[in-house]
């Protein structure tokens, strides 16, 4: 009897292992889809971002160039990427994202209570994208000179979320009072990453560029990026915690592209006070660096 047991246990263990390994991938996708929408905001207590700087593309047309269209259609890596994108899109359906946005009032995550130290901070990715100048530029080329308040959004609601962080008292640092912002924080700049979620939305956005140029001063055109969504892949969006496309996000980056602080959704009075306290603290850090 003991010999029989010794013979059947490895077999049953191997069978379970085989069943686990052979489980179709779509089963995992369905399990993800069945999860309910996010109910509450979660807190950011540790640095977020990438462990090292990553350049997502060398030119705007990289993903769709004719030179590698065969690899793009039939290559193993491209197939895997398309599957991941499909899994992501199924999980993050418009209904899921909107419901999560409603449940959290747009605040997908709560900001850290202070800025992260430079040596502990993680990286925001670099990319090449079209700007309001009509030319393409690198994000890191823009970041290289100053600390940056980066606004990232894909929807009108997301843009309104980020706008709420610039209305301080009677002043609007993003539009009418940008000059006062520069005067008070000379080592800072504002950077926009407008990330249309589809080709159609991108086309419509391009038609409205003249109106966008009227809203901000010409000196900021080079800081306004129009980034096609496919350039920022799902796994990086998750690492940046910006995988809900309905909301808007603020990242405060240093000249090395390190994420020193971040927030999401509409600002609360406490969030607004905290963000400008962070900006003030990092302004002092920048001034100390210049004196060295």
Protein backbone atom coordinates (compact mmCIF):
# COMPACT_ATOMS: atom_id res chain seq x y z
CA UNK A 1 0.00 0.00 0.00
CA UNK A 2 2.83 2.39 0.81
CA UNK A 3 4.39 1.66 -2.60
CA UNK A 4 1.14 2.58 -4.27
CA UNK A 5 1.00 5.85 -2.41
CA UNK A 6 4.58 6.64 -3.32
CA UNK A 7 3.75 6.01 -6.96
CA UNK A 8 0.56 8.08 -7.12
CA UNK A 9 1.57 11.20 -5.20
CA UNK A 10 4.17 12.42 -7.72
CA UNK A 11 1.70 11.71 -10.50
CA UNK A 12 -1.07 13.75 -8.89
CA UNK A 13 1.36 16.57 -8.10
CA UNK A 14 2.60 16.60 -11.69
CA UNK A 15 -0.96 16.61 -12.96
CA UNK A 16 -1.88 19.62 -10.85
CA UNK A 17 1.27 21.40 -12.03
CA UNK A 18 0.41 20.61 -15.65
CA UNK A 19 -3.14 21.86 -15.18
CA UNK A 20 -1.88 25.11 -13.68
CA UNK A 21 0.65 25.64 -16.45
CA UNK A 22 -1.82 24.84 -19.20
CA UNK A 23 -4.51 27.21 -17.96
CA UNK A 24 -5.47 29.47 -20.85
CA UNK A 25 -4.38 33.08 -20.50
CA UNK A 26 -7.88 34.40 -21.09
CA UNK A 27 -8.94 32.79 -17.78
CA UNK A 28 -6.65 35.19 -15.92
CA UNK A 29 -8.00 38.07 -18.00
CA UNK A 30 -11.58 37.14 -17.15
CA UNK A 31 -10.65 36.99 -13.46
CA UNK A 32 -9.23 40.51 -13.71
CA UNK A 33 -12.33 41.79 -15.53
CA UNK A 34 -14.60 40.35 -12.84
CA UNK A 35 -12.96 42.47 -10.16
CA UNK A 36 -15.19 45.31 -8.92
CA UNK A 37 -14.31 48.93 -9.60
CA UNK A 38 -12.00 50.69 -7.17
CA UNK A 39 -13.94 51.83 -4.11
CA UNK A 40 -11.45 53.98 -2.20
CA UNK A 41 -8.31 55.99 -2.85
CA UNK A 42 -5.09 54.26 -1.90
CA UNK A 43 -2.13 55.99 -0.30
CA UNK A 44 1.29 56.50 -1.84
CA UNK A 45 3.85 55.94 0.89
CA UNK A 46 6.89 54.90 -1.15
CA UNK A 47 8.59 56.31 -4.26
CA UNK A 48 6.81 55.47 -7.51
CA UNK A 49 8.17 55.18 -11.05
CA UNK A 50 10.88 53.26 -12.89
CA UNK A 51 14.13 52.03 -11.40
CA UNK A 52 16.13 53.66 -14.20
CA UNK A 53 15.52 56.19 -16.98
CA UNK A 54 13.81 54.66 -20.01
CA UNK A 55 13.47 56.22 -23.47
CA UNK A 56 10.14 54.96 -24.79
CA UNK A 57 10.69 55.91 -28.44
CA UNK A 58 13.42 57.41 -30.59
CA UNK A 59 10.98 59.14 -32.91
CA UNK A 60 7.26 59.63 -33.02
CA UNK A 61 6.72 57.07 -35.79
CA UNK A 62 8.78 54.26 -34.20
CA UNK A 63 5.88 51.97 -33.45
CA UNK A 64 4.39 52.04 -36.93
CA UNK A 65 7.45 52.37 -39.20
CA UNK A 66 7.30 50.40 -42.47
CA UNK A 67 10.78 49.00 -41.85
CA UNK A 68 9.57 46.80 -39.00
CA UNK A 69 5.93 46.31 -39.93
CA UNK A 70 6.44 42.55 -40.43
CA UNK A 71 7.95 42.22 -36.97
CA UNK A 72 5.18 44.39 -35.60
CA UNK A 73 2.48 42.16 -37.09
CA UNK A 74 4.00 38.71 -36.61
CA UNK A 75 6.93 38.96 -34.16
CA UNK A 76 6.73 37.21 -30.78
CA UNK A 77 7.44 40.36 -28.78
CA UNK A 78 4.85 42.35 -30.70
CA UNK A 79 2.30 39.58 -30.18
CA UNK A 80 3.00 39.56 -26.46
CA UNK A 81 2.71 43.34 -26.31
CA UNK A 82 -0.62 43.30 -28.13
CA UNK A 83 -1.90 40.65 -25.73
CA UNK A 84 -0.87 42.75 -22.73
CA UNK A 85 -2.54 45.80 -24.26
CA UNK A 86 -5.69 43.78 -24.85
CA UNK A 87 -5.68 42.48 -21.27
CA UNK A 88 -5.18 46.01 -20.02
CA UNK A 89 -7.93 47.47 -22.21
CA UNK A 90 -10.40 44.78 -21.15
CA UNK A 91 -9.62 45.31 -17.47
CA UNK A 92 -9.62 49.11 -17.77
CA UNK A 93 -12.83 49.49 -19.73
CA UNK A 94 -14.39 52.99 -19.84
CA UNK A 95 -17.10 51.74 -17.47
CA UNK A 96 -14.52 50.43 -14.96
CA UNK A 97 -12.45 53.62 -15.08
CA UNK A 98 -15.47 55.93 -14.82
CA UNK A 99 -16.95 53.94 -11.93
CA UNK A 100 -13.60 53.97 -10.12
CA UNK A 101 -13.35 57.72 -10.75
CA UNK A 102 -16.84 58.27 -9.32
CA UNK A 103 -16.19 56.09 -6.27
CA UNK A 104 -12.96 57.89 -5.40
CA UNK A 105 -14.11 61.33 -6.61
CA UNK A 106 -11.20 61.23 -9.04
CA UNK A 107 -8.56 60.68 -6.39
CA UNK A 108 -7.21 57.32 -7.55
CA UNK A 109 -4.36 57.67 -5.07
CA UNK A 110 -3.62 60.04 -2.22
CA UNK A 111 -0.35 61.97 -2.35
CA UNK A 112 2.59 61.26 -0.04
CA UNK A 113 2.79 63.53 3.00
CA UNK A 114 6.09 65.02 1.80
CA UNK A 115 8.45 64.87 -1.16
CA UNK A 116 10.76 61.91 -1.70
CA UNK A 117 14.49 62.35 -1.20
CA UNK A 118 16.45 62.59 -4.42
CA UNK A 119 18.52 59.46 -3.79
CA UNK A 120 15.41 57.38 -3.04
CA UNK A 121 13.22 58.69 -5.86
CA UNK A 122 12.37 56.68 -8.98
CA UNK A 123 12.28 57.83 -12.60
CA UNK A 124 9.66 59.15 -14.95
CA UNK A 125 10.14 57.79 -18.51
CA UNK A 126 11.53 59.89 -21.34
CA UNK A 127 9.80 60.11 -24.74
CA UNK A 128 9.79 62.01 -28.02
CA UNK A 129 6.50 63.74 -28.84
CA UNK A 130 5.06 66.66 -30.77
CA UNK A 131 4.77 69.96 -28.91
CA UNK A 132 2.78 73.14 -29.48
CA UNK A 133 5.77 74.50 -31.41
CA UNK A 134 4.83 72.04 -34.16
CA UNK A 135 8.12 70.18 -33.69
CA UNK A 136 8.97 67.04 -31.75
CA UNK A 137 11.00 67.26 -28.58
CA UNK A 138 12.34 65.05 -25.81
CA UNK A 139 10.76 65.33 -22.38
CA UNK A 140 14.16 65.03 -20.69
CA UNK A 141 15.51 67.89 -22.79
CA UNK A 142 12.78 70.05 -21.24
CA UNK A 143 13.34 68.68 -17.72
CA UNK A 144 17.09 69.19 -17.88
CA UNK A 145 17.08 72.79 -16.74
CA UNK A 146 14.42 73.09 -14.02
CA UNK A 147 12.16 71.31 -11.59
CA UNK A 148 8.84 70.61 -13.30
CA UNK A 149 5.20 70.31 -12.35
CA UNK A 150 4.01 67.78 -14.94
CA UNK A 151 0.30 67.57 -15.73
CA UNK A 152 -0.72 64.27 -17.36
CA UNK A 153 -4.27 63.64 -18.62
CA UNK A 154 -6.27 61.94 -21.38
CA UNK A 155 -9.73 63.46 -20.92
CA UNK A 156 -11.36 66.84 -20.37
CA UNK A 157 -12.25 65.73 -16.84
CA UNK A 158 -8.64 64.74 -16.22
CA UNK A 159 -7.45 68.13 -17.44
CA UNK A 160 -9.90 69.87 -15.09
CA UNK A 161 -8.54 67.77 -12.23
CA UNK A 162 -5.00 69.01 -12.87
CA UNK A 163 -6.20 72.61 -13.36
CA UNK A 164 -7.52 72.61 -9.79
CA UNK A 165 -3.99 72.47 -8.38
CA UNK A 166 -3.00 75.82 -9.86
CA UNK A 167 -5.79 77.97 -8.42
CA UNK A 168 -4.20 79.40 -5.31
CA UNK A 169 -6.33 82.03 -3.61
CA UNK A 170 -7.30 84.58 -6.25
CA UNK A 171 -4.49 83.56 -8.59
CA UNK A 172 -4.35 80.96 -11.36
CA UNK A 173 -0.72 80.00 -11.84
CA UNK A 174 -1.47 77.97 -14.96
CA UNK A 175 -3.06 80.72 -17.06
CA UNK A 176 -3.45 84.38 -16.11
CA UNK A 177 -0.91 84.43 -13.29
CA UNK A 178 1.85 82.28 -14.75
CA UNK A 179 4.22 85.24 -14.49
CA UNK A 180 3.65 85.39 -10.73
CA UNK A 181 4.33 81.65 -10.54
CA UNK A 182 7.72 82.11 -12.26
CA UNK A 183 8.52 85.10 -10.08
CA UNK A 184 7.80 83.15 -6.89
CA UNK A 185 9.35 79.86 -8.04
CA UNK A 186 12.09 80.76 -10.57
CA UNK A 187 13.53 77.23 -10.58
CA UNK A 188 10.22 75.67 -11.64
CA UNK A 189 8.25 75.26 -14.85
CA UNK A 190 4.91 73.70 -15.85
CA UNK A 191 4.89 70.82 -18.34
CA UNK A 192 1.78 69.37 -20.01
CA UNK A 193 1.47 65.80 -21.28
CA UNK A 194 -1.83 65.63 -23.15
CA UNK A 195 -2.31 61.94 -23.94
CA UNK A 196 -5.31 61.34 -26.28
CA UNK A 197 -6.56 57.79 -25.83
CA UNK A 198 -7.40 57.13 -29.49
CA UNK A 199 -6.45 58.19 -33.01
CA UNK A 200 -9.75 60.06 -33.37
CA UNK A 201 -9.25 62.05 -30.17
CA UNK A 202 -5.72 62.83 -31.27
CA UNK A 203 -7.03 64.07 -34.62
CA UNK A 204 -9.59 66.30 -32.92
CA UNK A 205 -6.93 67.63 -30.56
CA UNK A 206 -4.69 68.56 -33.49
CA UNK A 207 -7.56 70.58 -34.96
CA UNK A 208 -7.79 72.62 -31.76
CA UNK A 209 -4.09 73.45 -31.36
CA UNK A 210 -4.64 77.11 -32.28
CA UNK A 211 -7.04 77.47 -29.35
CA UNK A 212 -4.55 75.81 -27.03
CA UNK A 213 -1.85 78.24 -28.10
CA UNK A 214 -4.12 81.14 -27.12
CA UNK A 215 -4.42 79.80 -23.56
CA UNK A 216 -0.71 79.79 -22.68
CA UNK A 217 2.27 82.02 -23.40
CA UNK A 218 4.50 81.19 -26.40
CA UNK A 219 7.48 80.47 -24.13
CA UNK A 220 5.60 77.41 -22.85
CA UNK A 221 4.78 75.88 -26.26
CA UNK A 222 7.88 73.67 -26.09
CA UNK A 223 6.65 72.33 -22.73
CA UNK A 224 3.27 71.18 -24.02
CA UNK A 225 3.50 67.59 -25.32
CA UNK A 226 0.90 65.65 -27.29
CA UNK A 227 1.76 62.04 -26.53
CA UNK A 228 -0.08 59.20 -28.33
CA UNK A 229 -1.30 56.73 -25.72
CA UNK A 230 0.40 53.72 -27.33
CA UNK A 231 3.84 55.19 -26.58
CA UNK A 232 3.20 54.89 -22.83
CA UNK A 233 2.62 51.11 -22.46
CA UNK A 234 0.27 49.61 -19.83
CA UNK A 235 3.02 48.23 -17.58
CA UNK A 236 4.60 51.69 -17.27
CA UNK A 237 1.24 53.37 -16.69
CA UNK A 238 0.74 50.96 -13.80
CA UNK A 239 4.16 51.79 -12.35
CA UNK A 240 3.29 55.49 -12.58
CA UNK A 241 -0.17 54.81 -11.07
CA UNK A 242 -1.85 56.64 -13.94
CA UNK A 243 -3.71 53.65 -15.39
CA UNK A 244 -7.17 55.19 -14.90
CA UNK A 245 -7.60 57.31 -18.03
CA UNK A 246 -10.54 59.29 -16.67
CA UNK A 247 -8.57 61.04 -13.95
CA UNK A 248 -5.72 63.53 -14.17
CA UNK A 249 -2.30 63.35 -12.52
CA UNK A 250 0.36 65.70 -11.21
CA UNK A 251 4.04 64.68 -10.98
CA UNK A 252 6.74 66.93 -9.59
CA UNK A 253 10.01 65.99 -11.27
CA UNK A 254 13.55 67.19 -10.66
CA UNK A 255 15.97 67.99 -13.52
CA UNK A 256 17.10 64.33 -13.56
CA UNK A 257 13.58 63.06 -14.25
CA UNK A 258 13.10 61.74 -10.70
CA UNK A 259 9.54 61.72 -9.33
CA UNK A 260 9.72 63.69 -6.09
CA UNK A 261 5.96 63.90 -5.42
CA UNK A 262 2.69 62.95 -7.11
CA UNK A 263 -1.05 63.26 -6.75
CA UNK A 264 -4.25 62.51 -8.65
CA UNK A 265 -7.80 63.73 -9.13
CA UNK A 266 -9.27 67.03 -8.01
CA UNK A 267 -7.36 68.92 -5.35
CA UNK A 268 -8.77 69.19 -1.86
CA UNK A 269 -7.83 72.20 0.32
CA UNK A 270 -5.30 69.98 2.12
CA UNK A 271 -3.86 68.67 -1.18
CA UNK A 272 -3.50 72.19 -2.52
CA UNK A 273 -1.68 73.38 0.57
CA UNK A 274 0.53 70.28 0.57
CA UNK A 275 1.51 70.58 -3.09
CA UNK A 276 2.64 74.18 -2.81
CA UNK A 277 4.49 73.36 0.39
CA UNK A 278 6.35 70.68 -1.61
CA UNK A 279 7.04 73.14 -4.44
CA UNK A 280 8.38 75.65 -1.91
CA UNK A 281 10.64 73.04 -0.31
CA UNK A 282 12.03 71.89 -3.66
CA UNK A 283 12.53 75.50 -4.75
CA UNK A 284 14.87 75.89 -1.76
CA UNK A 285 16.62 72.63 -2.72
CA UNK A 286 17.15 73.96 -6.25
CA UNK A 287 18.53 77.25 -4.96
CA UNK A 288 21.00 75.40 -2.72
CA UNK A 289 22.17 73.33 -5.70
CA UNK A 290 22.84 76.46 -7.71
CA UNK A 291 24.98 77.89 -4.92
CA UNK A 292 27.22 74.82 -4.81
